[in-house]
């Protein structure tokens, strides 16, 4: 499975690289065509995920619409947690709402991250298959001379950790506002709260030894998702105001 995904991501990266180098003219001194290809490939992948993210946003908007009913149930059954949970599940089912759907885009990304890792570990196998081609191309990115190597300055790993925290914090904050006092959602929320702090630390730790190109992918992906989340939160807030 990983070899298949690696082959797909490698071919996409190579296609974008050929396109960028073909129409880009003279290669910039500060940023290589290879670095540009990583950024563009990441954006293409995130755009491909837009239907899933739009579905997630619609789910969140649905939850915002359900908030008045949720608050009524919470007030009515505040001393009966079991009945409250049953009534909330009935409300979710009638509204076709899944409180755990927010984790789906992240779960889908993990296999892709692993596939990208394989691409950067074996670039000559998955992307630049011609003998000697990968070694011959420039791989610099501003202060980094080679994105194939870890960023010893820790600048990219720190940015990756901060962007991961910001995105996780924004996402779980809105999910908490929408979930109310639902016991089942609270369990998922507790896991998300832990991940908000654990994930950035994990990203910072493992980024020390990963290819800087992979960390660049992660940062661009986070920035794209952060903009998406800002737009989503704005739409949800507007829906809540209209409902109330």
C-alpha atoms as a PDB file:
ATOM      1  CA  UNK A   1       0.000   0.000   0.000  1.00  0.00           C
ATOM      2  CA  UNK A   2       2.740   2.467   0.967  1.00  0.00           C
ATOM      3  CA  UNK A   3       4.692   1.656  -2.180  1.00  0.00           C
ATOM      4  CA  UNK A   4       1.621   2.429  -4.271  1.00  0.00           C
ATOM      5  CA  UNK A   5       1.009   5.741  -2.482  1.00  0.00           C
ATOM      6  CA  UNK A   6       4.712   6.532  -2.669  1.00  0.00           C
ATOM      7  CA  UNK A   7       4.696   5.902  -6.406  1.00  0.00           C
ATOM      8  CA  UNK A   8       1.659   8.172  -6.862  1.00  0.00           C
ATOM      9  CA  UNK A   9       3.097  10.992  -4.766  1.00  0.00           C
ATOM     10  CA  UNK A  10       6.489  10.575  -6.429  1.00  0.00           C
ATOM     11  CA  UNK A  11       4.992  10.839  -9.910  1.00  0.00           C
ATOM     12  CA  UNK A  12       2.970  13.881  -8.877  1.00  0.00           C
ATOM     13  CA  UNK A  13       6.070  15.560  -7.418  1.00  0.00           C
ATOM     14  CA  UNK A  14       8.031  14.797 -10.579  1.00  0.00           C
ATOM     15  CA  UNK A  15       5.238  16.089 -12.820  1.00  0.00           C
ATOM     16  CA  UNK A  16       5.062  19.357 -10.876  1.00  0.00           C
ATOM     17  CA  UNK A  17       8.861  19.661 -10.879  1.00  0.00           C
ATOM     18  CA  UNK A  18       8.999  19.203 -14.662  1.00  0.00           C
ATOM     19  CA  UNK A  19       6.213  21.745 -15.093  1.00  0.00           C
ATOM     20  CA  UNK A  20       7.843  24.320 -12.809  1.00  0.00           C
ATOM     21  CA  UNK A  21      11.309  23.902 -14.300  1.00  0.00           C
ATOM     22  CA  UNK A  22       9.864  23.939 -17.811  1.00  0.00           C
ATOM     23  CA  UNK A  23       7.969  27.218 -17.485  1.00  0.00           C
ATOM     24  CA  UNK A  24       9.956  28.857 -14.715  1.00  0.00           C
ATOM     25  CA  UNK A  25      12.867  30.047 -16.817  1.00  0.00           C
ATOM     26  CA  UNK A  26      16.085  30.565 -14.896  1.00  0.00           C
ATOM     27  CA  UNK A  27      16.085  28.840 -11.526  1.00  0.00           C
ATOM     28  CA  UNK A  28      16.021  31.386  -8.639  1.00  0.00           C
ATOM     29  CA  UNK A  29      19.120  31.426  -6.470  1.00  0.00           C
ATOM     30  CA  UNK A  30      17.232  31.520  -3.160  1.00  0.00           C
ATOM     31  CA  UNK A  31      14.668  28.817  -3.827  1.00  0.00           C
ATOM     32  CA  UNK A  32      15.118  25.799  -6.072  1.00  0.00           C
ATOM     33  CA  UNK A  33      12.577  24.395  -8.499  1.00  0.00           C
ATOM     34  CA  UNK A  34      12.563  21.338  -6.245  1.00  0.00           C
ATOM     35  CA  UNK A  35      11.399  23.421  -3.249  1.00  0.00           C
ATOM     36  CA  UNK A  36       8.766  25.145  -5.376  1.00  0.00           C
ATOM     37  CA  UNK A  37       7.594  21.728  -6.594  1.00  0.00           C
ATOM     38  CA  UNK A  38       7.135  20.566  -2.989  1.00  0.00           C
ATOM     39  CA  UNK A  39       5.024  23.628  -2.177  1.00  0.00           C
ATOM     40  CA  UNK A  40       2.903  23.348  -5.323  1.00  0.00           C
ATOM     41  CA  UNK A  41       2.435  19.579  -4.885  1.00  0.00           C
ATOM     42  CA  UNK A  42       1.253  20.129  -1.316  1.00  0.00           C
ATOM     43  CA  UNK A  43      -1.280  22.731  -2.427  1.00  0.00           C
ATOM     44  CA  UNK A  44      -2.548  20.415  -5.172  1.00  0.00           C
ATOM     45  CA  UNK A  45      -3.014  17.640  -2.622  1.00  0.00           C
ATOM     46  CA  UNK A  46      -4.874  19.957  -0.246  1.00  0.00           C
ATOM     47  CA  UNK A  47      -7.127  21.117  -3.075  1.00  0.00           C
ATOM     48  CA  UNK A  48      -7.910  17.464  -3.827  1.00  0.00           C
ATOM     49  CA  UNK A  49      -9.024  17.128  -0.203  1.00  0.00           C
ATOM     50  CA  UNK A  50     -11.349  20.146  -0.455  1.00  0.00           C
ATOM     51  CA  UNK A  51     -14.514  18.046  -1.024  1.00  0.00           C
ATOM     52  CA  UNK A  52     -13.814  16.206   2.222  1.00  0.00           C
ATOM     53  CA  UNK A  53     -13.137  19.452   4.070  1.00  0.00           C
ATOM     54  CA  UNK A  54     -16.261  21.060   2.634  1.00  0.00           C
ATOM     55  CA  UNK A  55     -18.246  18.080   3.905  1.00  0.00           C
ATOM     56  CA  UNK A  56     -16.645  18.543   7.311  1.00  0.00           C
ATOM     57  CA  UNK A  57     -17.561  22.245   7.323  1.00  0.00           C
ATOM     58  CA  UNK A  58     -21.157  21.414   6.396  1.00  0.00           C
ATOM     59  CA  UNK A  59     -21.214  19.008   9.322  1.00  0.00           C
ATOM     60  CA  UNK A  60     -19.990  21.768  11.618  1.00  0.00           C
ATOM     61  CA  UNK A  61     -22.592  24.168  10.248  1.00  0.00           C
ATOM     62  CA  UNK A  62     -25.224  21.540  10.979  1.00  0.00           C
ATOM     63  CA  UNK A  63     -23.972  21.350  14.549  1.00  0.00           C
ATOM     64  CA  UNK A  64     -24.249  25.133  14.844  1.00  0.00           C
ATOM     65  CA  UNK A  65     -27.863  24.896  13.687  1.00  0.00           C
ATOM     66  CA  UNK A  66     -28.512  22.210  16.305  1.00  0.00           C
ATOM     67  CA  UNK A  67     -27.097  24.267  19.184  1.00  0.00           C
ATOM     68  CA  UNK A  68     -30.470  25.709  20.349  1.00  0.00           C
ATOM     69  CA  UNK A  69     -31.983  22.208  20.518  1.00  0.00           C
ATOM     70  CA  UNK A  70     -28.844  20.903  22.207  1.00  0.00           C
ATOM     71  CA  UNK A  71     -29.072  23.582  24.873  1.00  0.00           C
ATOM     72  CA  UNK A  72     -32.731  22.722  25.500  1.00  0.00           C
ATOM     73  CA  UNK A  73     -31.854  19.061  25.984  1.00  0.00           C
ATOM     74  CA  UNK A  74     -28.948  19.903  28.269  1.00  0.00           C
ATOM     75  CA  UNK A  75     -31.192  22.093  30.400  1.00  0.00           C
ATOM     76  CA  UNK A  76     -34.024  19.561  30.480  1.00  0.00           C
ATOM     77  CA  UNK A  77     -31.871  16.530  31.321  1.00  0.00           C
ATOM     78  CA  UNK A  78     -29.062  18.212  33.250  1.00  0.00           C
ATOM     79  CA  UNK A  79     -29.483  15.749  36.128  1.00  0.00           C
ATOM     80  CA  UNK A  80     -29.863  12.657  33.916  1.00  0.00           C
ATOM     81  CA  UNK A  81     -26.694  12.119  31.904  1.00  0.00           C
ATOM     82  CA  UNK A  82     -27.819   8.788  30.467  1.00  0.00           C
ATOM     83  CA  UNK A  83     -31.087  10.147  29.077  1.00  0.00           C
ATOM     84  CA  UNK A  84     -29.286  13.263  27.824  1.00  0.00           C
ATOM     85  CA  UNK A  85     -26.838  11.108  25.875  1.00  0.00           C
ATOM     86  CA  UNK A  86     -29.691   9.093  24.339  1.00  0.00           C
ATOM     87  CA  UNK A  87     -31.644  12.209  23.364  1.00  0.00           C
ATOM     88  CA  UNK A  88     -28.559  13.849  21.865  1.00  0.00           C
ATOM     89  CA  UNK A  89     -27.811  10.745  19.828  1.00  0.00           C
ATOM     90  CA  UNK A  90     -31.374  10.793  18.544  1.00  0.00           C
ATOM     91  CA  UNK A  91     -30.965  14.446  17.584  1.00  0.00           C
ATOM     92  CA  UNK A  92     -27.682  13.696  15.807  1.00  0.00           C
ATOM     93  CA  UNK A  93     -29.231  10.787  13.928  1.00  0.00           C
ATOM     94  CA  UNK A  94     -32.228  12.823  12.795  1.00  0.00           C
ATOM     95  CA  UNK A  95     -29.913  15.622  11.619  1.00  0.00           C
ATOM     96  CA  UNK A  96     -27.468  13.175   9.984  1.00  0.00           C
ATOM     97  CA  UNK A  97     -24.620  14.589  12.076  1.00  0.00           C
ATOM     98  CA  UNK A  98     -21.477  12.719  13.147  1.00  0.00           C
ATOM     99  CA  UNK A  99     -19.535  14.425  16.009  1.00  0.00           C
ATOM    100  CA  UNK A 100     -16.422  12.348  15.246  1.00  0.00           C
ATOM    101  CA  UNK A 101     -16.144  13.369  11.591  1.00  0.00           C
ATOM    102  CA  UNK A 102     -13.574  16.071  12.360  1.00  0.00           C
ATOM    103  CA  UNK A 103     -10.836  13.467  12.714  1.00  0.00           C
ATOM    104  CA  UNK A 104     -11.286  12.071   9.197  1.00  0.00           C
ATOM    105  CA  UNK A 105      -9.105  14.544   7.206  1.00  0.00           C
ATOM    106  CA  UNK A 106      -6.258  14.053   9.681  1.00  0.00           C
ATOM    107  CA  UNK A 107      -6.513  10.267   9.449  1.00  0.00           C
ATOM    108  CA  UNK A 108      -6.401  10.451   5.658  1.00  0.00           C
ATOM    109  CA  UNK A 109      -3.276  12.610   5.770  1.00  0.00           C
ATOM    110  CA  UNK A 110      -1.208  10.144   7.774  1.00  0.00           C
ATOM    111  CA  UNK A 111      -0.760   7.569   4.961  1.00  0.00           C
ATOM    112  CA  UNK A 112       0.164  10.430   2.615  1.00  0.00           C
ATOM    113  CA  UNK A 113       2.756  11.726   5.066  1.00  0.00           C
ATOM    114  CA  UNK A 114       4.262   8.243   5.263  1.00  0.00           C
ATOM    115  CA  UNK A 115       4.210   8.045   1.454  1.00  0.00           C
ATOM    116  CA  UNK A 116       5.960  11.422   1.218  1.00  0.00           C
ATOM    117  CA  UNK A 117       8.537  10.169   3.700  1.00  0.00           C
ATOM    118  CA  UNK A 118       9.264   7.248   1.403  1.00  0.00           C
ATOM    119  CA  UNK A 119       9.530   9.609  -1.569  1.00  0.00           C
ATOM    120  CA  UNK A 120      12.140  11.707   0.250  1.00  0.00           C
ATOM    121  CA  UNK A 121      13.956   8.666   1.547  1.00  0.00           C
ATOM    122  CA  UNK A 122      14.126   7.036  -1.885  1.00  0.00           C
ATOM    123  CA  UNK A 123      13.663   9.932  -4.362  1.00  0.00           C
ATOM    124  CA  UNK A 124      15.476   8.098  -7.136  1.00  0.00           C
ATOM    125  CA  UNK A 125      13.021   5.222  -6.809  1.00  0.00           C
ATOM    126  CA  UNK A 126       9.743   7.121  -6.657  1.00  0.00           C
ATOM    127  CA  UNK A 127      10.230  10.507  -8.371  1.00  0.00           C
ATOM    128  CA  UNK A 128      13.522  11.107 -10.149  1.00  0.00           C
ATOM    129  CA  UNK A 129      14.160   7.675 -11.584  1.00  0.00           C
ATOM    130  CA  UNK A 130      16.737   8.603 -14.224  1.00  0.00           C
ATOM    131  CA  UNK A 131      20.278   7.697 -13.041  1.00  0.00           C
ATOM    132  CA  UNK A 132      22.036  10.672 -11.480  1.00  0.00           C
ATOM    133  CA  UNK A 133      19.143  13.105 -12.031  1.00  0.00           C
ATOM    134  CA  UNK A 134      18.227  13.629  -8.399  1.00  0.00           C
ATOM    135  CA  UNK A 135      21.829  14.216  -7.396  1.00  0.00           C
ATOM    136  CA  UNK A 136      22.213  16.830 -10.122  1.00  0.00           C
ATOM    137  CA  UNK A 137      19.235  19.059  -9.358  1.00  0.00           C
ATOM    138  CA  UNK A 138      19.342  21.980  -6.924  1.00  0.00           C
ATOM    139  CA  UNK A 139      17.522  21.406  -3.640  1.00  0.00           C
ATOM    140  CA  UNK A 140      18.114  24.655  -1.768  1.00  0.00           C
ATOM    141  CA  UNK A 141      15.456  26.588   0.128  1.00  0.00           C
ATOM    142  CA  UNK A 142      16.564  30.038   1.259  1.00  0.00           C
ATOM    143  CA  UNK A 143      18.964  29.359   4.163  1.00  0.00           C
ATOM    144  CA  UNK A 144      18.992  25.587   3.574  1.00  0.00           C
ATOM    145  CA  UNK A 145      21.365  24.246   0.963  1.00  0.00           C
ATOM    146  CA  UNK A 146      19.674  20.855   0.633  1.00  0.00           C
ATOM    147  CA  UNK A 147      16.081  19.933   1.507  1.00  0.00           C
ATOM    148  CA  UNK A 148      17.131  16.304   1.362  1.00  0.00           C
ATOM    149  CA  UNK A 149      18.849  16.740   4.740  1.00  0.00           C
ATOM    150  CA  UNK A 150      17.411  17.569   8.207  1.00  0.00           C
ATOM    151  CA  UNK A 151      17.253  21.236   9.190  1.00  0.00           C
ATOM    152  CA  UNK A 152      19.962  21.445  11.845  1.00  0.00           C
ATOM    153  CA  UNK A 153      19.035  25.068  12.624  1.00  0.00           C
ATOM    154  CA  UNK A 154      15.634  23.806  13.872  1.00  0.00           C
ATOM    155  CA  UNK A 155      13.884  26.754  12.184  1.00  0.00           C
ATOM    156  CA  UNK A 156      11.568  24.614  10.026  1.00  0.00           C
ATOM    157  CA  UNK A 157      10.857  22.106  12.830  1.00  0.00           C
ATOM    158  CA  UNK A 158       9.867  24.946  15.179  1.00  0.00           C
ATOM    159  CA  UNK A 159       7.620  26.502  12.521  1.00  0.00           C
ATOM    160  CA  UNK A 160       6.111  23.065  11.896  1.00  0.00           C
ATOM    161  CA  UNK A 161       5.399  22.591  15.617  1.00  0.00           C
ATOM    162  CA  UNK A 162       3.887  26.074  16.034  1.00  0.00           C
ATOM    163  CA  UNK A 163       1.698  25.736  12.938  1.00  0.00           C
ATOM    164  CA  UNK A 164       0.543  22.304  14.149  1.00  0.00           C
ATOM    165  CA  UNK A 165      -0.423  23.734  17.533  1.00  0.00           C
ATOM    166  CA  UNK A 166      -2.248  26.697  15.997  1.00  0.00           C
ATOM    167  CA  UNK A 167      -4.283  24.514  13.655  1.00  0.00           C
ATOM    168  CA  UNK A 168      -5.097  21.957  16.371  1.00  0.00           C
ATOM    169  CA  UNK A 169      -6.060  24.675  18.848  1.00  0.00           C
ATOM    170  CA  UNK A 170      -8.366  26.418  16.374  1.00  0.00           C
ATOM    171  CA  UNK A 171     -10.022  23.138  15.419  1.00  0.00           C
ATOM    172  CA  UNK A 172     -10.599  21.775  18.913  1.00  0.00           C
ATOM    173  CA  UNK A 173     -11.767  25.171  20.231  1.00  0.00           C
ATOM    174  CA  UNK A 174     -14.564  25.317  17.669  1.00  0.00           C
ATOM    175  CA  UNK A 175     -15.411  21.628  18.173  1.00  0.00           C
ATOM    176  CA  UNK A 176     -15.719  22.240  21.921  1.00  0.00           C
ATOM    177  CA  UNK A 177     -18.047  25.183  21.377  1.00  0.00           C
ATOM    178  CA  UNK A 178     -20.275  23.087  19.138  1.00  0.00           C
ATOM    179  CA  UNK A 179     -20.298  19.860  21.158  1.00  0.00           C
ATOM    180  CA  UNK A 180     -21.782  21.345  24.312  1.00  0.00           C
ATOM    181  CA  UNK A 181     -22.052  18.828  27.162  1.00  0.00           C
ATOM    182  CA  UNK A 182     -22.496  15.702  25.070  1.00  0.00           C
ATOM    183  CA  UNK A 183     -20.724  12.844  26.942  1.00  0.00           C
ATOM    184  CA  UNK A 184     -19.721  11.029  23.747  1.00  0.00           C
ATOM    185  CA  UNK A 185     -18.409  14.203  22.156  1.00  0.00           C
ATOM    186  CA  UNK A 186     -16.621  15.041  25.408  1.00  0.00           C
ATOM    187  CA  UNK A 187     -14.616  11.816  25.101  1.00  0.00           C
ATOM    188  CA  UNK A 188     -13.535  12.738  21.572  1.00  0.00           C
ATOM    189  CA  UNK A 189     -12.869  16.295  22.749  1.00  0.00           C
ATOM    190  CA  UNK A 190     -10.651  15.028  25.544  1.00  0.00           C
ATOM    191  CA  UNK A 191      -8.578  13.119  23.009  1.00  0.00           C
ATOM    192  CA  UNK A 192      -8.352  16.186  20.756  1.00  0.00           C
ATOM    193  CA  UNK A 193      -7.266  18.354  23.712  1.00  0.00           C
ATOM    194  CA  UNK A 194      -4.430  15.945  24.439  1.00  0.00           C
ATOM    195  CA  UNK A 195      -3.426  15.863  20.773  1.00  0.00           C
ATOM    196  CA  UNK A 196      -3.376  19.677  20.689  1.00  0.00           C
ATOM    197  CA  UNK A 197      -0.357  19.670  22.980  1.00  0.00           C
ATOM    198  CA  UNK A 198       1.130  16.276  22.201  1.00  0.00           C
ATOM    199  CA  UNK A 199       1.219  16.540  18.405  1.00  0.00           C
ATOM    200  CA  UNK A 200       3.335  19.745  18.201  1.00  0.00           C
ATOM    201  CA  UNK A 201       5.879  18.283  20.608  1.00  0.00           C
ATOM    202  CA  UNK A 202       5.988  15.049  18.618  1.00  0.00           C
ATOM    203  CA  UNK A 203       6.377  16.978  15.340  1.00  0.00           C
ATOM    204  CA  UNK A 204       9.207  19.049  16.842  1.00  0.00           C
ATOM    205  CA  UNK A 205      10.966  15.919  18.109  1.00  0.00           C
ATOM    206  CA  UNK A 206      10.797  13.846  14.942  1.00  0.00           C
ATOM    207  CA  UNK A 207      11.471  16.823  12.636  1.00  0.00           C
ATOM    208  CA  UNK A 208      15.030  16.983  13.909  1.00  0.00           C
ATOM    209  CA  UNK A 209      15.936  13.925  11.842  1.00  0.00           C
ATOM    210  CA  UNK A 210      13.537  14.088   8.901  1.00  0.00           C
ATOM    211  CA  UNK A 211      14.322  15.546   5.494  1.00  0.00           C
ATOM    212  CA  UNK A 212      13.617  19.274   5.502  1.00  0.00           C
ATOM    213  CA  UNK A 213      11.539  18.820   2.349  1.00  0.00           C
ATOM    214  CA  UNK A 214       9.054  16.717   4.301  1.00  0.00           C
ATOM    215  CA  UNK A 215       8.857  19.373   7.021  1.00  0.00           C
ATOM    216  CA  UNK A 216       8.274  22.005   4.335  1.00  0.00           C
ATOM    217  CA  UNK A 217       5.345  19.909   3.097  1.00  0.00           C
ATOM    218  CA  UNK A 218       3.919  19.738   6.627  1.00  0.00           C
ATOM    219  CA  UNK A 219       4.191  23.516   7.139  1.00  0.00           C
ATOM    220  CA  UNK A 220       2.531  24.398   3.821  1.00  0.00           C
ATOM    221  CA  UNK A 221      -0.200  21.853   4.538  1.00  0.00           C
ATOM    222  CA  UNK A 222      -0.814  23.376   7.978  1.00  0.00           C
ATOM    223  CA  UNK A 223      -0.950  26.922   6.614  1.00  0.00           C
ATOM    224  CA  UNK A 224      -3.449  25.879   3.945  1.00  0.00           C
ATOM    225  CA  UNK A 225      -5.584  24.089   6.552  1.00  0.00           C
ATOM    226  CA  UNK A 226      -5.397  27.073   8.929  1.00  0.00           C
ATOM    227  CA  UNK A 227      -6.853  29.376   6.272  1.00  0.00           C
ATOM    228  CA  UNK A 228      -9.562  26.778   5.641  1.00  0.00           C
ATOM    229  CA  UNK A 229     -10.346  26.613   9.354  1.00  0.00           C
ATOM    230  CA  UNK A 230     -10.548  30.408   9.631  1.00  0.00           C
ATOM    231  CA  UNK A 231     -13.067  30.487   6.785  1.00  0.00           C
ATOM    232  CA  UNK A 232     -14.970  27.570   8.306  1.00  0.00           C
ATOM    233  CA  UNK A 233     -15.097  29.225  11.752  1.00  0.00           C
ATOM    234  CA  UNK A 234     -16.351  32.449  10.181  1.00  0.00           C
ATOM    235  CA  UNK A 235     -19.176  30.592   8.409  1.00  0.00           C
ATOM    236  CA  UNK A 236     -20.067  28.685  11.580  1.00  0.00           C
ATOM    237  CA  UNK A 237     -20.153  31.882  13.674  1.00  0.00           C
ATOM    238  CA  UNK A 238     -22.422  33.490  11.085  1.00  0.00           C
ATOM    239  CA  UNK A 239     -24.736  30.472  11.168  1.00  0.00           C
ATOM    240  CA  UNK A 240     -24.873  30.578  14.986  1.00  0.00           C
ATOM    241  CA  UNK A 241     -25.792  34.274  14.904  1.00  0.00           C
ATOM    242  CA  UNK A 242     -28.578  33.608  12.400  1.00  0.00           C
ATOM    243  CA  UNK A 243     -29.960  30.704  14.424  1.00  0.00           C
ATOM    244  CA  UNK A 244     -29.884  32.669  17.673  1.00  0.00           C
END
